[in-house]
Amino acid sequence: MIRRLLSVTAVAAGLSLAGAETAAAQQGMAGMHHPKGTQRTISGTVVDVSCRFGQGLSGDSHRECAQICAGKGIPLAILGTDGKLYIPTSTAMPGDGQNDRLKDFAEQQVTVTGTVFAAAGANAIRIATIQRKP
């Protein structure tokens, strides 16, 4: 009986701490500087970053694998025709992944419009629209 009570108490305490941490993180973000981006349209290929850069895998034969990896949390990004890798971002706090939005386009050519950000040698895009190129 005492063990069960202690277990329930420990779980409840853990859940309340997790909620408090999320609230504190969101509150701390309120005063942060939000970088200004540039509205752009980019063309490129939706890639599975792990397999593309770690294993050299890409193309139609890798499409299904990329979709499976994306479903398991491996990030997808857009490799632009300009040679830059664009990491998809979100305005949600805490941020949410964009894999669900990109998964159907894995290893395919796309045109994406949105807000592009560049910092510390990296590029990111907050996607407004995405379309498969014919």
N, C-alpha and C. Protein backbone atom coordinates (compact mmCIF):
# COMPACT_ATOMS: atom_id res chain seq x y z
N MET A 1 0.83 -1.19 0.00
CA MET A 1 0.00 0.00 0.00
C MET A 1 0.87 1.25 0.00
N ILE A 2 1.87 1.26 0.88
CA ILE A 2 2.76 2.42 0.97
C ILE A 2 3.54 2.57 -0.34
N ARG A 3 3.99 1.44 -0.91
CA ARG A 3 4.73 1.50 -2.18
C ARG A 3 3.87 2.10 -3.28
N ARG A 4 2.62 1.68 -3.33
CA ARG A 4 1.71 2.20 -4.35
C ARG A 4 1.51 3.70 -4.16
N LEU A 5 1.32 4.14 -2.94
CA LEU A 5 1.14 5.56 -2.64
C LEU A 5 2.38 6.35 -3.03
N LEU A 6 3.56 5.82 -2.72
CA LEU A 6 4.81 6.50 -3.08
C LEU A 6 4.97 6.56 -4.60
N SER A 7 4.61 5.49 -5.29
CA SER A 7 4.70 5.46 -6.76
C SER A 7 3.79 6.51 -7.38
N VAL A 8 2.56 6.57 -6.92
CA VAL A 8 1.60 7.54 -7.44
C VAL A 8 2.09 8.96 -7.15
N THR A 9 2.61 9.19 -5.96
CA THR A 9 3.12 10.51 -5.59
C THR A 9 4.30 10.89 -6.48
N ALA A 10 5.20 9.95 -6.74
CA ALA A 10 6.37 10.22 -7.58
C ALA A 10 5.95 10.56 -9.01
N VAL A 11 5.00 9.82 -9.56
CA VAL A 11 4.52 10.09 -10.91
C VAL A 11 3.87 11.47 -10.97
N ALA A 12 3.03 11.78 -10.01
CA ALA A 12 2.36 13.09 -9.98
C ALA A 12 3.37 14.22 -9.88
N ALA A 13 4.38 14.04 -9.06
CA ALA A 13 5.42 15.07 -8.91
C ALA A 13 6.18 15.24 -10.22
N GLY A 14 6.49 14.15 -10.89
CA GLY A 14 7.20 14.21 -12.16
C GLY A 14 6.39 14.93 -13.23
N LEU A 15 5.10 14.64 -13.29
CA LEU A 15 4.24 15.30 -14.27
C LEU A 15 4.12 16.79 -14.00
N SER A 16 4.02 17.18 -12.74
CA SER A 16 3.90 18.60 -12.43
C SER A 16 5.20 19.33 -12.74
N LEU A 17 6.34 18.69 -12.52
CA LEU A 17 7.62 19.32 -12.85
C LEU A 17 7.77 19.48 -14.36
N ALA A 18 7.35 18.47 -15.12
CA ALA A 18 7.43 18.56 -16.58
C ALA A 18 6.58 19.71 -17.09
N GLY A 19 5.40 19.86 -16.54
CA GLY A 19 4.53 20.97 -16.93
C GLY A 19 5.13 22.31 -16.56
N ALA A 20 5.74 22.38 -15.38
CA ALA A 20 6.36 23.62 -14.93
C ALA A 20 7.55 23.98 -15.81
N GLU A 21 8.34 22.98 -16.23
CA GLU A 21 9.49 23.24 -17.10
C GLU A 21 9.03 23.79 -18.45
N THR A 22 7.99 23.21 -19.02
CA THR A 22 7.47 23.68 -20.30
C THR A 22 6.97 25.11 -20.17
N ALA A 23 6.22 25.40 -19.12
CA ALA A 23 5.70 26.75 -18.90
C ALA A 23 6.85 27.74 -18.72
N ALA A 24 7.87 27.35 -17.97
CA ALA A 24 9.02 28.24 -17.76
C ALA A 24 9.75 28.49 -19.07
N ALA A 25 9.90 27.45 -19.89
CA ALA A 25 10.58 27.61 -21.18
C ALA A 25 9.80 28.55 -22.08
N GLN A 26 8.49 28.40 -22.12
CA GLN A 26 7.67 29.27 -22.95
C GLN A 26 7.72 30.71 -22.44
N GLN A 27 7.70 30.88 -21.13
CA GLN A 27 7.75 32.22 -20.55
C GLN A 27 9.10 32.86 -20.84
N GLY A 28 10.16 32.09 -20.75
CA GLY A 28 11.50 32.61 -21.04
C GLY A 28 11.66 33.00 -22.49
N MET A 29 10.95 32.36 -23.40
CA MET A 29 11.04 32.66 -24.82
C MET A 29 10.34 33.97 -25.17
N ALA A 30 9.43 34.43 -24.34
CA ALA A 30 8.64 35.61 -24.65
C ALA A 30 9.51 36.83 -24.89
N GLY A 31 10.61 36.97 -24.16
CA GLY A 31 11.45 38.14 -24.31
C GLY A 31 12.57 37.98 -25.31
N MET A 32 12.62 36.86 -26.01
CA MET A 32 13.71 36.62 -26.95
C MET A 32 13.56 37.45 -28.22
N HIS A 33 14.69 37.74 -28.82
CA HIS A 33 14.72 38.44 -30.10
C HIS A 33 14.37 37.46 -31.21
N HIS A 34 13.44 37.82 -32.04
CA HIS A 34 13.05 36.97 -33.16
C HIS A 34 13.70 37.52 -34.42
N PRO A 35 14.56 36.74 -35.07
CA PRO A 35 15.25 37.24 -36.25
C PRO A 35 14.29 37.53 -37.40
N LYS A 36 14.67 38.50 -38.20
CA LYS A 36 13.86 38.82 -39.37
C LYS A 36 14.32 37.93 -40.51
N GLY A 37 13.38 37.38 -41.19
CA GLY A 37 13.69 36.54 -42.33
C GLY A 37 13.32 37.26 -43.62
N THR A 38 13.54 36.58 -44.72
CA THR A 38 13.24 37.11 -46.03
C THR A 38 12.25 36.18 -46.71
N GLN A 39 11.19 36.74 -47.28
CA GLN A 39 10.23 35.92 -48.03
C GLN A 39 10.90 35.45 -49.31
N ARG A 40 10.89 34.14 -49.54
CA ARG A 40 11.56 33.59 -50.71
C ARG A 40 10.82 32.37 -51.23
N THR A 41 11.12 32.04 -52.46
CA THR A 41 10.69 30.79 -53.06
C THR A 41 11.96 30.04 -53.41
N ILE A 42 12.07 28.80 -52.94
CA ILE A 42 13.24 27.99 -53.25
C ILE A 42 12.79 26.70 -53.94
N SER A 43 13.65 26.18 -54.77
CA SER A 43 13.42 24.89 -55.42
C SER A 43 14.49 23.95 -54.93
N GLY A 44 14.14 22.68 -54.81
CA GLY A 44 15.12 21.70 -54.36
C GLY A 44 14.49 20.35 -54.15
N THR A 45 15.21 19.50 -53.43
CA THR A 45 14.78 18.14 -53.15
C THR A 45 14.61 17.95 -51.65
N VAL A 46 13.51 17.33 -51.24
CA VAL A 46 13.31 16.99 -49.83
C VAL A 46 14.19 15.78 -49.55
N VAL A 47 15.11 15.93 -48.59
CA VAL A 47 16.08 14.86 -48.30
C VAL A 47 15.99 14.40 -46.86
N ASP A 48 16.34 13.14 -46.68
CA ASP A 48 16.51 12.51 -45.37
C ASP A 48 17.97 12.83 -45.00
N VAL A 49 18.18 13.75 -44.05
CA VAL A 49 19.54 14.23 -43.80
C VAL A 49 20.48 13.14 -43.30
N SER A 50 19.99 12.19 -42.55
CA SER A 50 20.85 11.14 -42.02
C SER A 50 21.38 10.24 -43.14
N CYS A 51 20.49 9.74 -43.96
CA CYS A 51 20.92 8.84 -45.04
C CYS A 51 21.66 9.59 -46.14
N ARG A 52 21.22 10.79 -46.46
CA ARG A 52 21.84 11.56 -47.55
C ARG A 52 23.30 11.88 -47.22
N PHE A 53 23.54 12.39 -46.02
CA PHE A 53 24.88 12.84 -45.68
C PHE A 53 25.69 11.79 -44.93
N GLY A 54 25.04 10.87 -44.26
CA GLY A 54 25.76 9.84 -43.52
C GLY A 54 26.03 8.58 -44.33
N GLN A 55 25.13 8.28 -45.29
CA GLN A 55 25.24 7.04 -46.05
C GLN A 55 25.35 7.26 -47.56
N GLY A 56 25.10 8.48 -48.02
CA GLY A 56 25.15 8.76 -49.45
C GLY A 56 23.95 8.24 -50.21
N LEU A 57 22.84 7.97 -49.52
CA LEU A 57 21.65 7.42 -50.17
C LEU A 57 20.71 8.55 -50.59
N SER A 58 20.17 8.45 -51.80
CA SER A 58 19.23 9.45 -52.29
C SER A 58 18.51 8.92 -53.52
N GLY A 59 17.54 9.67 -53.99
CA GLY A 59 16.83 9.34 -55.22
C GLY A 59 15.59 8.51 -55.00
N ASP A 60 14.94 8.18 -56.13
CA ASP A 60 13.67 7.44 -56.09
C ASP A 60 13.79 6.11 -55.36
N SER A 61 14.93 5.43 -55.50
CA SER A 61 15.08 4.12 -54.84
C SER A 61 15.17 4.26 -53.32
N HIS A 62 15.44 5.47 -52.85
CA HIS A 62 15.55 5.70 -51.40
C HIS A 62 14.27 6.34 -50.82
N ARG A 63 13.31 6.65 -51.64
CA ARG A 63 12.11 7.38 -51.21
C ARG A 63 11.37 6.70 -50.05
N GLU A 64 11.07 5.42 -50.18
CA GLU A 64 10.33 4.72 -49.13
C GLU A 64 11.12 4.68 -47.83
N CYS A 65 12.42 4.44 -47.91
CA CYS A 65 13.28 4.42 -46.73
C CYS A 65 13.26 5.79 -46.04
N ALA A 66 13.35 6.86 -46.85
CA ALA A 66 13.33 8.21 -46.29
C ALA A 66 12.02 8.48 -45.56
N GLN A 67 10.91 8.00 -46.10
CA GLN A 67 9.62 8.19 -45.45
C GLN A 67 9.53 7.43 -44.14
N ILE A 68 10.08 6.22 -44.11
CA ILE A 68 10.10 5.43 -42.87
C ILE A 68 10.96 6.13 -41.83
N CYS A 69 12.15 6.57 -42.23
CA CYS A 69 13.04 7.27 -41.30
C CYS A 69 12.39 8.55 -40.77
N ALA A 70 11.71 9.28 -41.65
CA ALA A 70 11.03 10.51 -41.23
C ALA A 70 9.97 10.20 -40.19
N GLY A 71 9.25 9.10 -40.38
CA GLY A 71 8.24 8.68 -39.42
C GLY A 71 8.82 8.32 -38.06
N LYS A 72 10.10 7.94 -38.05
CA LYS A 72 10.77 7.59 -36.80
C LYS A 72 11.53 8.78 -36.20
N GLY A 73 11.40 9.95 -36.84
CA GLY A 73 11.99 11.16 -36.27
C GLY A 73 13.27 11.65 -36.90
N ILE A 74 13.81 10.95 -37.90
CA ILE A 74 15.00 11.45 -38.60
C ILE A 74 14.56 12.69 -39.38
N PRO A 75 15.24 13.82 -39.22
CA PRO A 75 14.76 15.05 -39.85
C PRO A 75 14.86 15.05 -41.37
N LEU A 76 13.85 15.64 -41.99
CA LEU A 76 13.87 15.92 -43.41
C LEU A 76 14.22 17.39 -43.58
N ALA A 77 14.88 17.71 -44.68
CA ALA A 77 15.23 19.09 -44.98
C ALA A 77 15.13 19.26 -46.49
N ILE A 78 15.36 20.47 -46.96
CA ILE A 78 15.28 20.75 -48.39
C ILE A 78 16.68 21.11 -48.87
N LEU A 79 17.20 20.33 -49.80
CA LEU A 79 18.48 20.62 -50.42
C LEU A 79 18.18 21.44 -51.66
N GLY A 80 18.44 22.75 -51.56
CA GLY A 80 18.09 23.67 -52.63
C GLY A 80 18.93 23.49 -53.87
N THR A 81 18.39 23.92 -55.01
CA THR A 81 19.17 23.89 -56.25
C THR A 81 20.34 24.85 -56.17
N ASP A 82 20.33 25.75 -55.17
CA ASP A 82 21.45 26.66 -54.94
C ASP A 82 22.57 26.01 -54.13
N GLY A 83 22.39 24.72 -53.78
CA GLY A 83 23.40 23.99 -53.03
C GLY A 83 23.30 24.14 -51.53
N LYS A 84 22.36 24.94 -51.05
CA LYS A 84 22.19 25.16 -49.61
C LYS A 84 21.17 24.18 -49.04
N LEU A 85 21.40 23.78 -47.79
CA LEU A 85 20.46 22.92 -47.08
C LEU A 85 19.57 23.82 -46.22
N TYR A 86 18.26 23.70 -46.39
CA TYR A 86 17.29 24.50 -45.64
C TYR A 86 16.60 23.61 -44.61
N ILE A 87 16.75 23.97 -43.35
CA ILE A 87 16.14 23.23 -42.26
C ILE A 87 14.75 23.81 -42.01
N PRO A 88 13.70 23.01 -42.07
CA PRO A 88 12.35 23.54 -41.84
C PRO A 88 12.15 23.86 -40.37
N THR A 89 11.54 25.01 -40.10
CA THR A 89 11.27 25.44 -38.73
C THR A 89 9.79 25.75 -38.57
N SER A 90 9.43 26.05 -37.33
CA SER A 90 8.04 26.31 -36.98
C SER A 90 7.98 27.51 -36.04
N THR A 91 6.84 28.16 -35.98
CA THR A 91 6.67 29.25 -35.03
C THR A 91 6.15 28.76 -33.69
N ALA A 92 5.78 27.49 -33.61
CA ALA A 92 5.23 26.93 -32.37
C ALA A 92 6.30 26.92 -31.28
N MET A 93 5.87 27.08 -30.04
CA MET A 93 6.77 27.01 -28.90
C MET A 93 6.21 26.04 -27.90
N PRO A 94 6.87 24.97 -27.52
CA PRO A 94 8.13 24.56 -28.13
C PRO A 94 7.92 24.14 -29.57
N GLY A 95 8.97 24.23 -30.37
CA GLY A 95 8.89 23.95 -31.80
C GLY A 95 8.35 22.56 -32.11
N ASP A 96 7.67 22.47 -33.22
CA ASP A 96 7.20 21.15 -33.66
C ASP A 96 7.92 20.79 -34.95
N GLY A 97 8.12 19.50 -35.14
CA GLY A 97 8.81 19.02 -36.33
C GLY A 97 7.96 19.22 -37.57
N GLN A 98 8.61 19.27 -38.70
CA GLN A 98 7.92 19.46 -39.97
C GLN A 98 7.90 18.20 -40.83
N ASN A 99 8.36 17.07 -40.26
CA ASN A 99 8.41 15.83 -41.04
C ASN A 99 7.06 15.41 -41.59
N ASP A 100 5.99 15.55 -40.80
CA ASP A 100 4.67 15.14 -41.29
C ASP A 100 4.29 15.93 -42.53
N ARG A 101 4.70 17.17 -42.56
CA ARG A 101 4.39 18.03 -43.69
C ARG A 101 5.23 17.69 -44.93
N LEU A 102 6.45 17.23 -44.71
CA LEU A 102 7.39 16.98 -45.81
C LEU A 102 7.44 15.53 -46.28
N LYS A 103 6.97 14.60 -45.46
CA LYS A 103 7.16 13.17 -45.72
C LYS A 103 6.65 12.73 -47.10
N ASP A 104 5.51 13.22 -47.53
CA ASP A 104 4.96 12.82 -48.83
C ASP A 104 5.84 13.29 -50.00
N PHE A 105 6.72 14.25 -49.74
CA PHE A 105 7.58 14.80 -50.78
C PHE A 105 9.01 14.25 -50.72
N ALA A 106 9.27 13.27 -49.86
CA ALA A 106 10.62 12.74 -49.67
C ALA A 106 11.25 12.34 -51.00
N GLU A 107 12.49 12.78 -51.20
CA GLU A 107 13.28 12.47 -52.39
C GLU A 107 12.62 12.93 -53.69
N GLN A 108 11.81 13.99 -53.59
CA GLN A 108 11.18 14.55 -54.79
C GLN A 108 11.53 16.02 -54.90
N GLN A 109 11.47 16.52 -56.13
CA GLN A 109 11.71 17.94 -56.39
C GLN A 109 10.49 18.74 -55.97
N VAL A 110 10.73 19.85 -55.26
CA VAL A 110 9.65 20.68 -54.77
C VAL A 110 9.97 22.16 -54.99
N THR A 111 8.93 22.96 -54.93
CA THR A 111 9.05 24.41 -54.86
C THR A 111 8.41 24.82 -53.55
N VAL A 112 9.16 25.56 -52.74
CA VAL A 112 8.70 25.94 -51.41
C VAL A 112 8.75 27.45 -51.28
N THR A 113 7.67 28.03 -50.75
CA THR A 113 7.70 29.45 -50.41
C THR A 113 7.62 29.57 -48.90
N GLY A 114 8.25 30.61 -48.40
CA GLY A 114 8.23 30.82 -46.96
C GLY A 114 9.24 31.86 -46.54
N THR A 115 9.49 31.92 -45.25
CA THR A 115 10.43 32.88 -44.69
C THR A 115 11.75 32.17 -44.45
N VAL A 116 12.81 32.68 -45.07
CA VAL A 116 14.14 32.09 -44.96
C VAL A 116 14.97 32.87 -43.96
N PHE A 117 15.68 32.13 -43.12
CA PHE A 117 16.57 32.70 -42.11
C PHE A 117 17.97 32.13 -42.33
N ALA A 118 18.99 32.94 -42.05
CA ALA A 118 20.37 32.45 -42.13
C ALA A 118 21.09 32.93 -40.88
N ALA A 119 21.79 32.01 -40.22
CA ALA A 119 22.56 32.35 -39.02
C ALA A 119 23.63 31.29 -38.80
N ALA A 120 24.80 31.73 -38.42
CA ALA A 120 25.90 30.82 -38.06
C ALA A 120 26.19 29.79 -39.15
N GLY A 121 26.06 30.18 -40.41
CA GLY A 121 26.35 29.28 -41.51
C GLY A 121 25.24 28.31 -41.86
N ALA A 122 24.12 28.39 -41.18
CA ALA A 122 22.99 27.49 -41.44
C ALA A 122 21.83 28.27 -42.04
N ASN A 123 20.97 27.55 -42.76
CA ASN A 123 19.78 28.15 -43.36
C ASN A 123 18.55 27.42 -42.85
N ALA A 124 17.50 28.18 -42.62
CA ALA A 124 16.24 27.60 -42.18
C ALA A 124 15.12 28.23 -42.99
N ILE A 125 14.00 27.52 -43.07
CA ILE A 125 12.83 28.08 -43.75
C ILE A 125 11.58 27.74 -42.96
N ARG A 126 10.76 28.76 -42.74
CA ARG A 126 9.43 28.56 -42.17
C ARG A 126 8.50 28.44 -43.37
N ILE A 127 8.06 27.23 -43.65
CA ILE A 127 7.33 26.92 -44.88
C ILE A 127 5.91 27.47 -44.84
N ALA A 128 5.56 28.22 -45.91
CA ALA A 128 4.18 28.67 -46.09
C ALA A 128 3.47 27.70 -47.03
N THR A 129 4.10 27.41 -48.18
CA THR A 129 3.51 26.47 -49.14
C THR A 129 4.60 25.55 -49.68
N ILE A 130 4.20 24.37 -50.06
CA ILE A 130 5.11 23.41 -50.69
C ILE A 130 4.35 22.70 -51.80
N GLN A 131 4.99 22.62 -52.97
CA GLN A 131 4.38 21.96 -54.11
C GLN A 131 5.40 21.07 -54.80
N ARG A 132 4.94 19.93 -55.26
CA ARG A 132 5.79 19.02 -56.03
C ARG A 132 6.02 19.64 -57.40
N LYS A 133 7.26 19.59 -57.87
CA LYS A 133 7.55 20.07 -59.21
C LYS A 133 7.16 18.99 -60.21
N PRO A 134 6.57 19.40 -61.33
CA PRO A 134 6.17 18.41 -62.34
C PRO A 134 7.37 17.74 -62.99
